[in-house]
Amino acid sequence: MIARHHDRRRVRAVLVLVVLLCAARYVAASAADPFDAGLTAFRGNDLETALRCFQEAASRGAPSPQLAYNLGVVHYRLGNLAEARAAFERLTELPEWRPLAWYNLGLVAEAARDPDLARLHYERARQSALDPRLRELAEDRLSPGAAASVSTAARATPPARAPAVRPWAGYLATALGHDDNVALQAGDFETAGSGESDVFADLLAVGRRTMSGSPGAGWQVEVGAFHRRHLDVSEFDFGAVNAGIVHQRSAGAWQLQTGVRAEQLWAGPDPFATQVVLRLEASRRIGEHLRLRFAQGLRRVEAARTYEYLSGWEARGGVDAAWSYDPHLLRGGLQWELNDREDLGVDEAFYSYSPVRFVLFAEWETRPAPRWRTLLRAEYRDSRYRDADRVSDPDGSPLVRTRAEDRVDLRARLSRETSAATAVFAELQHADNAGNLPGLDYRSRRFLLGIEHSF
């Protein structure tokens, strides 16, 4: 009883301390600000009023992790476990808040009488926390007998200061796979299927370093590399390296991101293209569960001599929406693309490589059980090319026709976490392309088995 009473007092003290901290760190506001009013109500233990005030602040689109966190705290205190879970899940998207969010997700899972899931979240928090006090709290919850009473732990426990930020974050993945219709994939360019099948190995590495500010408000440097190697058809091997800089900031209810990236691509052993990409993005939350995002980009491609017909400009944009309600995430959107390439003329023949393209997509991600994740994605792509191709029919007669293609891509992925930062996965990809010119109708299926690690 003494240990439990001490744990309760410590957790309550930390909770009050962080809510005061959130007020200090939040943008200065007048007394009429719903966020400020919510903090006042919370300090007075008027949880219903605090919830209404925080929800009002959320309806105005304020992109604040402190707001999301306090919503989770109040929902938790009121016993609204699904809403608390959703709020803390959103914070796992931010590296500096992730250990704290995992700890609180463990408390939510305990309150929901799901000890296996609670232990998983506590393990994540313990392994990733930079704050020794948070690490100690996670270890306490993992100790024998800690779950004997949910009430002693049932107070979300924010940190006594802003979460520490690792300057580096990264992702590594490797996989073995089989493709029943190998095609050259170099960046966004893909040839028709070759009709050959082969096994392949993939390696992907991505890194990001925060140079100033935080991952959500400051400057970051990003680097990445990818390589696919086939066992037999090496002419379809592909590689890429890239580096760029990104700036993120808030503007009222919006989160803004601007970035530029340079990339070098290889096809087989030879250089394929060099490209520079400028990207602008704006996103905001609407309420507790919905996020909207708008993006626009401009790409300059300088292809190697063998592929110089691909040199030119590409403008790309899109809008998508994501709805999250733990354990589900639904996302869908529309993307568009306008190309102005050099195109290819050989004697009397002409081939256009300058499409206007629209893509519709939808995906569903969920967790069917602790440690398991599934992802289903469907995508439809419509491509209409700028100029008419001049080619030959299979019987040798001339054919002049504007190229048009429809493509359907389906993807299914299943992964299982083996630790807080590592997972194994299996993935099936299916593509079905239909075109109005010879050689444009093809299908392909790929199957991959791999392992991934975040740090």
Protein backbone atom coordinates (compact mmCIF):
# COMPACT_ATOMS: atom_id res chain seq x y z
CA MET A 1 0.00 0.00 0.00
CA ILE A 2 2.83 2.44 0.84
CA ALA A 3 4.53 1.75 -2.53
CA ARG A 4 1.29 2.28 -4.38
CA HIS A 5 0.56 5.54 -2.54
CA HIS A 6 4.06 6.83 -3.32
CA ASP A 7 3.69 5.89 -7.01
CA ARG A 8 0.35 7.68 -7.21
CA ARG A 9 1.72 10.88 -5.65
CA ARG A 10 4.76 10.87 -7.94
CA VAL A 11 2.73 10.34 -11.10
CA ARG A 12 0.21 13.03 -10.14
CA ALA A 13 3.01 15.48 -9.39
CA VAL A 14 4.66 14.87 -12.74
CA LEU A 15 1.31 15.24 -14.50
CA VAL A 16 0.62 18.66 -12.96
CA LEU A 17 4.18 19.75 -13.74
CA VAL A 18 3.95 18.91 -17.43
CA VAL A 19 0.63 20.62 -17.98
CA LEU A 20 2.15 23.77 -16.53
CA LEU A 21 5.13 23.26 -18.83
CA CYS A 22 2.86 22.90 -21.85
CA ALA A 23 1.37 26.27 -21.02
CA ALA A 24 4.85 27.83 -20.88
CA ARG A 25 5.93 26.27 -24.15
CA TYR A 26 2.72 26.98 -26.03
CA VAL A 27 2.44 30.18 -28.05
CA ALA A 28 1.53 33.04 -25.72
CA ALA A 29 -2.22 33.47 -25.72
CA SER A 30 -4.84 35.64 -24.12
CA ALA A 31 -7.14 34.45 -21.37
CA ALA A 32 -9.80 33.88 -24.01
CA ASP A 33 -7.62 31.34 -25.83
CA PRO A 34 -9.32 27.93 -25.49
CA PHE A 35 -5.99 26.21 -24.94
CA ASP A 36 -5.14 28.54 -22.06
CA ALA A 37 -8.66 28.13 -20.68
CA GLY A 38 -8.28 24.37 -20.90
CA LEU A 39 -5.11 24.50 -18.83
CA THR A 40 -6.86 26.62 -16.22
CA ALA A 41 -9.74 24.17 -16.06
CA PHE A 42 -7.36 21.24 -15.81
CA ARG A 43 -5.51 22.83 -12.90
CA GLY A 44 -8.89 23.16 -11.19
CA ASN A 45 -9.62 19.47 -11.91
CA ASP A 46 -12.59 20.48 -14.08
CA LEU A 47 -11.86 17.82 -16.67
CA GLU A 48 -15.05 18.19 -18.70
CA THR A 49 -14.42 21.89 -19.21
CA ALA A 50 -10.76 21.24 -19.98
CA LEU A 51 -11.79 18.73 -22.63
CA ARG A 52 -14.22 21.15 -24.27
CA CYS A 53 -11.58 23.87 -24.34
CA PHE A 54 -8.88 21.62 -25.81
CA GLN A 55 -11.34 20.34 -28.43
CA GLU A 56 -12.17 23.93 -29.35
CA ALA A 57 -8.44 24.63 -29.77
CA ALA A 58 -8.15 21.52 -31.94
CA SER A 59 -11.10 22.63 -34.10
CA ARG A 60 -9.14 25.78 -34.89
CA GLY A 61 -6.40 23.58 -36.31
CA ALA A 62 -3.61 24.54 -33.93
CA PRO A 63 -0.72 22.15 -34.93
CA SER A 64 0.67 21.65 -31.42
CA PRO A 65 1.99 18.40 -29.97
CA GLN A 66 1.29 19.86 -26.52
CA LEU A 67 -2.37 20.18 -27.46
CA ALA A 68 -2.52 16.60 -28.72
CA TYR A 69 -0.80 15.46 -25.56
CA ASN A 70 -3.14 17.31 -23.19
CA LEU A 71 -6.14 15.97 -25.10
CA GLY A 72 -4.79 12.50 -24.49
CA VAL A 73 -4.27 13.23 -20.80
CA VAL A 74 -7.79 14.56 -20.27
CA HIS A 75 -9.43 11.76 -22.27
CA TYR A 76 -7.46 9.27 -20.21
CA ARG A 77 -8.47 10.85 -16.92
CA LEU A 78 -12.11 10.77 -18.04
CA GLY A 79 -11.87 7.12 -19.05
CA ASN A 80 -12.23 7.80 -22.78
CA LEU A 81 -9.60 5.22 -23.66
CA ALA A 82 -10.16 5.08 -27.44
CA GLU A 83 -9.82 8.87 -27.73
CA ALA A 84 -6.76 8.92 -25.46
CA ARG A 85 -5.17 6.15 -27.52
CA ALA A 86 -5.77 8.09 -30.74
CA ALA A 87 -4.19 11.26 -29.32
CA PHE A 88 -1.06 9.48 -28.11
CA GLU A 89 -0.80 7.52 -31.37
CA ARG A 90 -0.55 10.81 -33.28
CA LEU A 91 2.41 11.82 -31.14
CA THR A 92 4.32 8.70 -32.19
CA GLU A 93 4.73 10.46 -35.56
CA LEU A 94 7.12 12.95 -33.86
CA PRO A 95 10.49 11.43 -32.88
CA GLU A 96 10.99 13.67 -29.84
CA TRP A 97 7.56 12.75 -28.42
CA ARG A 98 7.59 9.08 -29.37
CA PRO A 99 9.01 7.53 -26.14
CA LEU A 100 6.57 9.52 -24.00
CA ALA A 101 3.66 8.62 -26.26
CA TRP A 102 4.57 4.94 -26.08
CA TYR A 103 4.68 5.06 -22.29
CA ASN A 104 1.22 6.60 -22.13
CA LEU A 105 -0.09 4.11 -24.67
CA GLY A 106 1.09 1.47 -22.23
CA LEU A 107 -1.02 3.08 -19.49
CA VAL A 108 -4.01 3.14 -21.82
CA ALA A 109 -3.51 -0.53 -22.67
CA GLU A 110 -3.32 -1.38 -18.95
CA ALA A 111 -6.57 0.45 -18.32
CA ALA A 112 -8.12 -1.50 -21.20
CA ARG A 113 -6.97 -4.76 -19.57
CA ASP A 114 -4.55 -5.61 -22.37
CA PRO A 115 -1.32 -6.48 -20.53
CA ASP A 116 0.51 -7.84 -23.58
CA LEU A 117 0.02 -4.62 -25.54
CA ALA A 118 0.89 -2.56 -22.46
CA ARG A 119 4.16 -4.42 -22.03
CA LEU A 120 5.01 -3.88 -25.69
CA HIS A 121 4.53 -0.11 -25.35
CA TYR A 122 6.53 0.04 -22.11
CA GLU A 123 9.39 -1.85 -23.78
CA ARG A 124 9.35 0.65 -26.63
CA ALA A 125 9.45 3.55 -24.19
CA ARG A 126 12.24 2.02 -22.11
CA GLN A 127 14.44 1.29 -25.14
CA SER A 128 13.99 4.67 -26.80
CA ALA A 129 13.70 7.17 -23.93
CA LEU A 130 16.49 9.72 -23.53
CA ASP A 131 14.99 11.08 -20.32
CA PRO A 132 16.19 8.84 -17.45
CA ARG A 133 13.04 9.56 -15.44
CA LEU A 134 10.81 8.33 -18.23
CA ARG A 135 13.01 5.28 -18.67
CA GLU A 136 12.68 4.59 -14.93
CA LEU A 137 8.89 4.89 -15.08
CA ALA A 138 8.77 2.41 -17.97
CA GLU A 139 11.00 -0.01 -16.08
CA ASP A 140 8.74 0.30 -13.04
CA ARG A 141 5.71 -0.68 -15.10
CA LEU A 142 7.63 -3.66 -16.52
CA SER A 143 8.65 -4.90 -13.09
CA PRO A 144 6.82 -7.90 -11.55
CA GLY A 145 3.60 -6.90 -9.83
CA ALA A 146 3.51 -3.42 -11.37
CA ALA A 147 0.24 -4.15 -13.12
CA ALA A 148 -1.49 -5.31 -9.97
CA SER A 149 -3.47 -2.08 -9.82
CA VAL A 150 -4.18 0.00 -12.87
CA SER A 151 -5.31 2.90 -10.72
CA THR A 152 -1.82 3.44 -9.33
CA ALA A 153 -0.47 3.95 -12.83
CA ALA A 154 -3.58 5.45 -14.36
CA ARG A 155 -2.33 8.97 -14.69
CA ALA A 156 -0.62 9.99 -17.95
CA THR A 157 2.88 11.09 -17.02
CA PRO A 158 4.37 13.80 -19.22
CA PRO A 159 8.01 14.82 -18.79
CA ALA A 160 9.16 17.65 -16.55
CA ARG A 161 10.71 19.38 -19.57
CA ALA A 162 10.47 19.30 -23.34
CA PRO A 163 11.27 15.88 -24.78
CA ALA A 164 14.91 15.46 -25.77
CA VAL A 165 15.59 15.31 -29.49
CA ARG A 166 18.05 12.93 -31.11
CA PRO A 167 19.95 14.84 -33.79
CA TRP A 168 19.96 11.78 -36.06
CA ALA A 169 17.09 9.53 -37.07
CA GLY A 170 17.18 6.82 -39.69
CA TYR A 171 15.68 3.77 -41.29
CA LEU A 172 17.29 0.64 -42.75
CA ALA A 173 15.56 -2.14 -44.68
CA THR A 174 16.68 -5.11 -46.72
CA ALA A 175 14.62 -7.71 -48.55
CA LEU A 176 14.78 -10.67 -50.88
CA GLY A 177 12.14 -10.94 -53.56
CA HIS A 178 10.88 -12.54 -56.74
CA ASP A 179 9.52 -10.71 -59.80
CA ASP A 180 7.64 -12.69 -62.45
CA ASN A 181 7.99 -9.95 -65.12
CA VAL A 182 11.15 -7.92 -64.54
CA ALA A 183 11.15 -4.31 -65.75
CA LEU A 184 13.61 -1.44 -65.47
CA GLN A 185 12.56 0.87 -62.64
CA ALA A 186 14.68 4.01 -62.39
CA GLY A 187 13.09 6.57 -60.12
CA ASP A 188 9.59 7.24 -61.48
CA PHE A 189 10.43 5.78 -64.88
CA GLU A 190 9.46 2.17 -65.61
CA THR A 191 9.65 0.18 -68.82
CA ALA A 192 7.17 -2.44 -69.93
CA GLY A 193 7.77 -5.93 -68.55
CA SER A 194 10.56 -7.93 -70.13
CA GLY A 195 8.74 -11.24 -69.86
CA GLU A 196 11.58 -12.65 -67.72
CA SER A 197 11.33 -13.66 -64.08
CA ASP A 198 14.12 -13.38 -61.55
CA VAL A 199 14.94 -13.07 -57.87
CA PHE A 200 16.37 -9.87 -56.48
CA ALA A 201 17.74 -8.24 -53.33
CA ASP A 202 16.85 -4.73 -52.11
CA LEU A 203 18.72 -2.45 -49.73
CA LEU A 204 17.31 0.88 -48.52
CA ALA A 205 18.92 3.38 -46.12
CA VAL A 206 17.51 6.77 -45.10
CA GLY A 207 18.90 9.26 -42.59
CA ARG A 208 17.86 12.65 -41.27
CA ARG A 209 19.71 15.11 -39.07
CA THR A 210 18.08 18.07 -37.35
CA MET A 211 20.42 21.03 -37.82
CA SER A 212 18.41 23.63 -35.89
CA GLY A 213 15.09 23.79 -34.12
CA SER A 214 13.14 20.54 -33.82
CA PRO A 215 11.93 17.93 -36.35
CA GLY A 216 8.63 19.81 -36.64
CA ALA A 217 10.00 23.35 -36.70
CA GLY A 218 13.48 23.86 -38.05
CA TRP A 219 16.08 22.80 -40.60
CA GLN A 220 16.91 19.20 -41.43
CA VAL A 221 19.36 17.46 -43.73
CA GLU A 222 18.15 14.24 -45.36
CA VAL A 223 20.17 11.56 -47.16
CA GLY A 224 19.18 8.25 -48.71
CA ALA A 225 20.29 5.35 -50.88
CA PHE A 226 18.59 2.43 -52.59
CA HIS A 227 19.91 -0.53 -54.58
CA ARG A 228 18.14 -3.43 -56.29
CA ARG A 229 20.27 -6.29 -57.64
CA HIS A 230 18.92 -9.17 -59.71
CA LEU A 231 20.42 -12.63 -59.76
CA ASP A 232 20.43 -13.13 -63.55
CA VAL A 233 19.13 -10.09 -65.47
CA SER A 234 21.67 -7.54 -64.21
CA GLU A 235 20.71 -5.03 -66.92
CA PHE A 236 17.60 -4.32 -64.81
CA ASP A 237 19.57 -3.52 -61.64
CA PHE A 238 18.83 -0.08 -60.27
CA GLY A 239 20.48 2.26 -57.76
CA ALA A 240 19.97 5.77 -56.37
CA VAL A 241 21.58 8.14 -53.89
CA ASN A 242 20.13 11.46 -52.80
CA ALA A 243 20.69 14.33 -50.40
CA GLY A 244 18.55 17.31 -49.56
CA ILE A 245 17.58 19.96 -47.06
CA VAL A 246 14.11 20.54 -45.57
CA HIS A 247 12.65 23.42 -43.58
CA GLN A 248 9.50 23.05 -41.49
CA ARG A 249 7.51 25.67 -39.65
CA SER A 250 4.01 26.48 -38.41
CA ALA A 251 1.78 29.20 -39.88
CA GLY A 252 -1.41 29.46 -37.88
CA ALA A 253 -3.26 26.17 -38.24
CA TRP A 254 -0.92 24.95 -40.98
CA GLN A 255 2.32 23.01 -40.87
CA LEU A 256 4.51 24.08 -43.80
CA GLN A 257 7.44 22.20 -45.32
CA THR A 258 9.83 23.30 -48.06
CA GLY A 259 12.59 21.09 -49.39
CA VAL A 260 15.07 20.62 -52.20
CA ARG A 261 16.78 17.34 -53.09
CA ALA A 262 19.46 16.24 -55.56
CA GLU A 263 19.52 12.63 -56.76
CA GLN A 264 21.75 10.43 -58.91
CA LEU A 265 20.24 7.33 -60.54
CA TRP A 266 21.84 4.26 -62.12
CA ALA A 267 20.38 1.62 -64.44
CA GLY A 268 22.45 -1.54 -64.45
CA PRO A 269 26.10 -0.46 -64.04
CA ASP A 270 25.64 2.81 -65.97
CA PRO A 271 24.44 6.28 -64.95
CA PHE A 272 20.78 6.82 -65.77
CA ALA A 273 19.93 10.39 -64.77
CA THR A 274 20.62 13.28 -62.42
CA GLN A 275 17.65 15.14 -61.04
CA VAL A 276 16.85 18.05 -58.73
CA VAL A 277 13.50 18.18 -56.94
CA LEU A 278 11.82 21.14 -55.25
CA ARG A 279 8.86 20.28 -52.99
CA LEU A 280 6.34 22.42 -51.10
CA GLU A 281 3.87 20.93 -48.64
CA ALA A 282 1.15 22.27 -46.35
CA SER A 283 -0.84 20.19 -43.88
CA ARG A 284 -3.26 20.74 -41.04
CA ARG A 285 -5.42 18.80 -38.67
CA ILE A 286 -9.17 19.15 -38.52
CA GLY A 287 -10.37 17.99 -35.14
CA GLU A 288 -8.73 15.05 -33.44
CA HIS A 289 -8.79 12.44 -36.20
CA LEU A 290 -8.50 14.07 -39.64
CA ARG A 291 -5.44 15.51 -41.37
CA LEU A 292 -5.35 17.23 -44.78
CA ARG A 293 -2.22 17.68 -46.86
CA PHE A 294 -1.47 19.58 -50.06
CA ALA A 295 1.78 19.18 -51.98
CA GLN A 296 3.37 20.65 -55.08
CA GLY A 297 6.73 19.79 -56.62
CA LEU A 298 8.96 20.62 -59.56
CA ARG A 299 11.60 18.26 -60.91
CA ARG A 300 14.41 18.80 -63.43
CA VAL A 301 15.77 15.63 -65.04
CA GLU A 302 19.07 15.43 -66.92
CA ALA A 303 19.25 11.91 -68.34
CA ALA A 304 22.38 10.12 -69.52
CA ARG A 305 23.00 9.94 -73.28
CA THR A 306 21.32 6.56 -73.72
CA TYR A 307 18.16 7.91 -72.10
CA GLU A 308 18.39 11.59 -73.09
CA TYR A 309 14.81 11.53 -74.40
CA LEU A 310 13.73 11.54 -70.72
CA SER A 311 15.47 14.86 -70.01
CA GLY A 312 13.12 17.70 -69.19
CA TRP A 313 10.72 19.05 -66.57
CA GLU A 314 8.05 17.51 -64.41
CA ALA A 315 5.48 19.35 -62.28
CA ARG A 316 3.66 17.26 -59.71
CA GLY A 317 1.03 18.01 -57.08
CA GLY A 318 -1.50 16.31 -54.91
CA VAL A 319 -4.02 16.42 -52.11
CA ASP A 320 -4.72 13.67 -49.61
CA ALA A 321 -6.58 13.11 -46.37
CA ALA A 322 -5.77 10.77 -43.49
CA TRP A 323 -8.24 9.66 -40.86
CA SER A 324 -6.87 7.93 -37.78
CA TYR A 325 -8.76 6.15 -35.06
CA ASP A 326 -6.61 3.66 -33.25
CA PRO A 327 -5.80 1.01 -34.39
CA HIS A 328 -6.84 2.12 -37.88
CA LEU A 329 -5.39 4.62 -40.33
CA LEU A 330 -7.27 5.35 -43.57
CA ARG A 331 -5.68 7.50 -46.26
CA GLY A 332 -6.72 8.49 -49.74
CA GLY A 333 -5.98 11.16 -52.29
CA LEU A 334 -5.41 12.45 -55.78
CA GLN A 335 -2.05 13.19 -57.43
CA TRP A 336 -1.39 14.86 -60.76
CA GLU A 337 1.68 15.13 -62.95
CA LEU A 338 2.58 17.21 -66.02
CA ASN A 339 5.72 16.34 -68.03
CA ASP A 340 7.69 18.18 -70.70
CA ARG A 341 10.43 15.78 -71.87
CA GLU A 342 12.71 15.70 -74.91
CA ASP A 343 10.88 12.63 -76.31
CA LEU A 344 12.43 10.19 -78.78
CA GLY A 345 12.61 10.33 -82.54
CA VAL A 346 14.34 7.56 -84.53
CA ASP A 347 14.18 7.93 -88.32
CA GLU A 348 10.45 8.05 -89.12
CA ALA A 349 9.41 6.75 -85.72
CA PHE A 350 8.47 8.98 -82.76
CA TYR A 351 7.79 8.12 -79.11
CA SER A 352 6.36 10.56 -76.60
CA TYR A 353 7.60 10.44 -73.01
CA SER A 354 5.67 13.51 -71.83
CA PRO A 355 2.49 12.33 -70.09
CA VAL A 356 -0.23 14.15 -68.22
CA ARG A 357 -0.98 11.74 -65.41
CA PHE A 358 -3.55 11.40 -62.64
CA VAL A 359 -3.35 8.95 -59.75
CA LEU A 360 -6.11 7.98 -57.32
CA PHE A 361 -5.11 5.95 -54.27
CA ALA A 362 -6.53 4.56 -51.05
CA GLU A 363 -4.85 2.64 -48.25
CA TRP A 364 -5.77 1.09 -44.94
CA GLU A 365 -3.30 0.33 -42.16
CA THR A 366 -4.24 -1.40 -38.93
CA ARG A 367 -2.91 -3.54 -36.09
CA PRO A 368 -4.82 -6.83 -35.88
CA ALA A 369 -2.87 -7.88 -32.78
CA PRO A 370 -0.02 -6.61 -30.59
CA ARG A 371 3.24 -6.40 -32.57
CA TRP A 372 1.45 -7.02 -35.88
CA ARG A 373 0.66 -4.49 -38.63
CA THR A 374 -1.13 -4.86 -41.94
CA LEU A 375 -1.27 -2.46 -44.88
CA LEU A 376 -3.54 -2.66 -47.93
CA ARG A 377 -3.17 -0.15 -50.78
CA ALA A 378 -4.91 0.26 -54.14
CA GLU A 379 -3.86 2.75 -56.81
CA TYR A 380 -5.27 3.67 -60.21
CA ARG A 381 -3.11 5.65 -62.67
CA ASP A 382 -4.32 7.29 -65.88
CA SER A 383 -1.65 8.54 -68.35
CA ARG A 384 -2.27 10.51 -71.54
CA TYR A 385 0.77 11.54 -73.59
CA ARG A 386 1.25 14.92 -75.23
CA ASP A 387 2.05 14.03 -78.85
CA ALA A 388 1.04 11.19 -81.12
CA ASP A 389 3.47 8.28 -81.44
CA ARG A 390 4.51 7.10 -84.91
CA VAL A 391 5.22 3.37 -84.67
CA SER A 392 4.54 0.16 -86.57
CA ASP A 393 1.74 -2.31 -86.03
CA PRO A 394 2.72 -5.95 -85.43
CA ASP A 395 2.00 -6.54 -89.13
CA GLY A 396 4.45 -3.77 -90.08
CA SER A 397 1.94 -1.14 -91.19
CA PRO A 398 2.41 2.46 -89.94
CA LEU A 399 0.49 3.45 -86.82
CA VAL A 400 0.02 7.03 -85.62
CA ARG A 401 -1.74 7.24 -82.26
CA THR A 402 -1.57 9.29 -79.09
CA ARG A 403 -0.35 6.99 -76.33
CA ALA A 404 -2.74 6.29 -73.46
CA GLU A 405 -2.30 3.92 -70.51
CA ASP A 406 -4.31 2.78 -67.52
CA ARG A 407 -2.57 1.04 -64.65
CA VAL A 408 -3.75 -0.59 -61.43
CA ASP A 409 -1.32 -1.27 -58.58
CA LEU A 410 -2.26 -3.38 -55.54
CA ARG A 411 -0.10 -3.86 -52.47
CA ALA A 412 -0.52 -5.98 -49.34
CA ARG A 413 1.99 -5.96 -46.47
CA LEU A 414 2.18 -7.81 -43.17
CA SER A 415 4.82 -7.00 -40.55
CA ARG A 416 5.67 -8.17 -37.06
CA GLU A 417 7.75 -6.23 -34.58
CA THR A 418 10.58 -8.20 -33.02
CA SER A 419 11.65 -5.26 -30.83
CA ALA A 420 10.76 -1.61 -30.33
CA ALA A 421 12.71 -0.61 -33.46
CA THR A 422 12.89 -3.76 -35.61
CA ALA A 423 10.30 -5.68 -37.63
CA VAL A 424 10.16 -8.44 -40.21
CA PHE A 425 7.76 -8.13 -43.12
CA ALA A 426 6.25 -9.85 -46.13
CA GLU A 427 4.86 -7.89 -49.05
CA LEU A 428 2.97 -8.73 -52.24
CA GLN A 429 2.79 -6.26 -55.14
CA HIS A 430 0.65 -6.61 -58.26
CA ALA A 431 0.63 -4.32 -61.33
CA ASP A 432 -1.69 -4.46 -64.33
CA ASN A 433 -0.95 -2.05 -67.19
CA ALA A 434 -3.13 -1.58 -70.28
CA GLY A 435 -2.19 0.65 -73.23
CA ASN A 436 -3.36 1.45 -76.73
CA LEU A 437 -0.02 0.79 -78.46
CA PRO A 438 1.90 -2.46 -79.05
CA GLY A 439 3.91 -3.66 -76.05
CA LEU A 440 2.06 -1.64 -73.42
CA ASP A 441 -0.12 -4.45 -72.03
CA TYR A 442 1.62 -6.33 -69.23
CA ARG A 443 1.25 -7.63 -65.70
CA SER A 444 3.77 -8.21 -62.95
CA ARG A 445 3.80 -9.66 -59.46
CA ARG A 446 6.51 -9.23 -56.87
CA PHE A 447 6.86 -10.93 -53.50
CA LEU A 448 9.30 -9.70 -50.85
CA LEU A 449 10.50 -10.94 -47.46
CA GLY A 450 12.58 -8.53 -45.44
CA ILE A 451 13.60 -6.88 -42.19
CA GLU A 452 13.53 -3.20 -41.23
CA HIS A 453 15.04 -1.18 -38.40
CA SER A 454 14.44 2.40 -37.22
CA PHE A 455 16.86 4.35 -35.10
